[in-house]
């Protein structure tokens, strides 16, 4: 069992989405977390946007892991976006982002937050796994890939 699999479901896995900017992606994610987890969309958007202003959450290789801390959130939660049109994310390798895992953690989840981010970096650092994520036909198939992955 990995730390990532419990964070997403087919409902929070969106494939072949298109956005005109990071801001639009974050707005969509904020509404998604509001609908699925009952969070305030404005809190989610502000947390993601403020973190991104500190520095890009893009890792390179077309990957980004936007993340934020949310007051009142009980457990870490995630959403997976595969973008039809890659987005500029100020990545270290200047590549636009096509795979994006948005992570929300409770305000005080320091150690767990770092463990999950580390595992996400390992997951996305796996060339074969990235290829499979880009090829997954359905949200259910992508969730199953993440369920089966081990670091």
Protein backbone atom coordinates (compact mmCIF):
# COMPACT_ATOMS: atom_id res chain seq x y z
CA UNK A 1 0.00 0.00 0.00
CA UNK A 2 1.36 3.42 -0.94
CA UNK A 3 0.46 6.83 0.48
CA UNK A 4 -0.93 8.13 -2.82
CA UNK A 5 -3.60 5.54 -3.67
CA UNK A 6 -5.98 6.46 -0.79
CA UNK A 7 -5.93 10.13 -1.83
CA UNK A 8 -7.79 9.84 -5.11
CA UNK A 9 -10.85 8.16 -6.58
CA UNK A 10 -12.21 8.02 -10.13
CA UNK A 11 -14.28 11.11 -9.18
CA UNK A 12 -11.12 13.09 -8.41
CA UNK A 13 -9.23 11.82 -11.48
CA UNK A 14 -9.82 14.01 -14.52
CA UNK A 15 -8.41 13.02 -17.87
CA UNK A 16 -7.79 15.12 -20.98
CA UNK A 17 -8.88 18.42 -19.46
CA UNK A 18 -7.94 21.78 -21.00
CA UNK A 19 -7.31 25.04 -19.16
CA UNK A 20 -6.00 28.36 -20.41
CA UNK A 21 -3.83 28.97 -17.32
CA UNK A 22 -2.67 27.64 -13.95
CA UNK A 23 -5.22 29.99 -12.38
CA UNK A 24 -8.08 28.30 -14.30
CA UNK A 25 -6.76 24.86 -13.28
CA UNK A 26 -6.66 25.92 -9.62
CA UNK A 27 -10.19 27.37 -9.87
CA UNK A 28 -11.45 24.06 -11.27
CA UNK A 29 -9.63 22.08 -8.57
CA UNK A 30 -11.06 24.37 -5.87
CA UNK A 31 -14.60 23.66 -7.10
CA UNK A 32 -13.83 19.93 -7.31
CA UNK A 33 -12.56 19.77 -3.70
CA UNK A 34 -15.52 21.88 -2.57
CA UNK A 35 -17.96 19.46 -4.22
CA UNK A 36 -16.26 16.22 -3.16
CA UNK A 37 -14.96 17.16 0.31
CA UNK A 38 -17.20 20.05 1.36
CA UNK A 39 -14.30 22.51 1.55
CA UNK A 40 -14.64 26.20 0.77
CA UNK A 41 -13.55 26.66 -2.83
CA UNK A 42 -12.04 30.06 -1.99
CA UNK A 43 -9.84 28.49 0.74
CA UNK A 44 -8.58 25.81 -1.66
CA UNK A 45 -7.89 28.27 -4.47
CA UNK A 46 -6.09 30.72 -2.17
CA UNK A 47 -3.93 27.97 -0.65
CA UNK A 48 -2.88 26.60 -4.06
CA UNK A 49 -2.34 30.02 -5.62
CA UNK A 50 -0.33 31.39 -2.69
CA UNK A 51 1.92 28.30 -2.63
CA UNK A 52 2.52 28.58 -6.37
CA UNK A 53 3.52 32.25 -5.96
CA UNK A 54 6.35 31.11 -3.65
CA UNK A 55 7.79 29.08 -6.52
CA UNK A 56 6.64 26.72 -9.22
CA UNK A 57 5.44 23.29 -8.09
CA UNK A 58 6.47 21.83 -11.46
CA UNK A 59 9.10 19.10 -11.21
CA UNK A 60 10.03 18.89 -14.87
CA UNK A 61 9.21 16.08 -17.35
CA UNK A 62 5.70 17.54 -17.74
CA UNK A 63 4.83 17.00 -14.06
CA UNK A 64 3.51 19.38 -11.39
CA UNK A 65 2.40 18.79 -7.81
CA UNK A 66 0.53 21.91 -6.68
CA UNK A 67 -0.18 21.61 -2.97
CA UNK A 68 -1.66 23.54 -0.12
CA UNK A 69 -2.58 23.43 3.55
CA UNK A 70 -6.23 23.72 4.47
CA UNK A 71 -7.50 24.66 7.92
CA UNK A 72 -10.17 22.21 9.07
CA UNK A 73 -9.21 19.45 6.62
CA UNK A 74 -9.06 16.12 8.49
CA UNK A 75 -6.91 14.02 6.13
CA UNK A 76 -4.74 14.55 3.07
CA UNK A 77 -6.69 14.58 -0.16
CA UNK A 78 -5.77 14.65 -3.82
CA UNK A 79 -6.95 15.18 -7.36
CA UNK A 80 -5.22 13.96 -10.51
CA UNK A 81 -5.41 15.95 -13.73
CA UNK A 82 -4.15 14.80 -17.12
CA UNK A 83 -4.15 17.82 -19.39
CA UNK A 84 -5.03 17.58 -23.07
CA UNK A 85 -3.19 20.83 -23.73
CA UNK A 86 -0.03 21.09 -21.59
CA UNK A 87 0.19 24.22 -19.41
CA UNK A 88 3.14 26.53 -18.83
CA UNK A 89 4.17 26.04 -15.19
CA UNK A 90 7.65 27.62 -15.01
CA UNK A 91 9.15 24.14 -14.77
CA UNK A 92 12.90 23.79 -14.14
CA UNK A 93 13.29 22.12 -17.57
CA UNK A 94 10.95 24.65 -19.26
CA UNK A 95 8.61 21.82 -20.32
CA UNK A 96 4.85 22.48 -20.08
CA UNK A 97 2.88 20.32 -17.65
CA UNK A 98 0.53 17.56 -18.75
CA UNK A 99 0.30 15.48 -15.53
CA UNK A 100 -0.74 17.29 -12.38
CA UNK A 101 -1.40 15.88 -8.91
CA UNK A 102 -3.03 18.43 -6.62
CA UNK A 103 -2.46 17.66 -2.95
CA UNK A 104 -4.26 19.21 0.00
CA UNK A 105 -3.18 18.50 3.56
CA UNK A 106 -4.41 19.61 6.98
CA UNK A 107 -2.88 22.85 8.24
CA UNK A 108 -0.56 21.01 10.69
CA UNK A 109 0.35 17.85 8.68
CA UNK A 110 4.08 18.56 8.31
CA UNK A 111 5.64 15.07 8.35
CA UNK A 112 2.84 13.35 6.42
CA UNK A 113 2.81 16.17 3.86
CA UNK A 114 6.52 15.67 3.19
CA UNK A 115 6.16 11.87 3.00
CA UNK A 116 3.37 12.17 0.41
CA UNK A 117 5.29 14.75 -1.65
CA UNK A 118 8.35 12.46 -1.59
CA UNK A 119 6.32 9.50 -2.76
CA UNK A 120 4.69 11.58 -5.52
CA UNK A 121 8.17 12.63 -6.70
CA UNK A 122 9.20 8.93 -6.83
CA UNK A 123 6.01 8.00 -8.69
CA UNK A 124 6.42 10.72 -11.28
CA UNK A 125 10.15 10.03 -11.58
CA UNK A 126 9.35 6.55 -12.93
CA UNK A 127 9.48 6.85 -16.76
CA UNK A 128 7.41 3.71 -17.34
CA UNK A 129 4.76 4.84 -14.87
CA UNK A 130 4.53 8.29 -16.49
CA UNK A 131 3.96 6.62 -19.85
CA UNK A 132 1.21 4.45 -18.38
CA UNK A 133 -0.47 7.50 -16.79
CA UNK A 134 -0.42 9.28 -20.15
CA UNK A 135 -1.97 6.21 -21.83
CA UNK A 136 -4.67 5.32 -19.26
CA UNK A 137 -8.05 5.22 -21.01
CA UNK A 138 -10.31 5.93 -18.01
CA UNK A 139 -10.12 7.45 -14.53
CA UNK A 140 -10.72 3.97 -13.07
CA UNK A 141 -7.74 2.60 -15.01
CA UNK A 142 -5.52 5.44 -13.78
CA UNK A 143 -6.59 4.93 -10.16
CA UNK A 144 -5.83 1.21 -10.53
CA UNK A 145 -2.33 2.08 -11.81
CA UNK A 146 -1.73 4.22 -8.73
CA UNK A 147 -3.15 1.51 -6.45
CA UNK A 148 -0.73 -1.05 -7.90
CA UNK A 149 2.34 1.19 -7.78
CA UNK A 150 4.85 0.74 -4.97
CA UNK A 151 7.83 2.95 -4.20
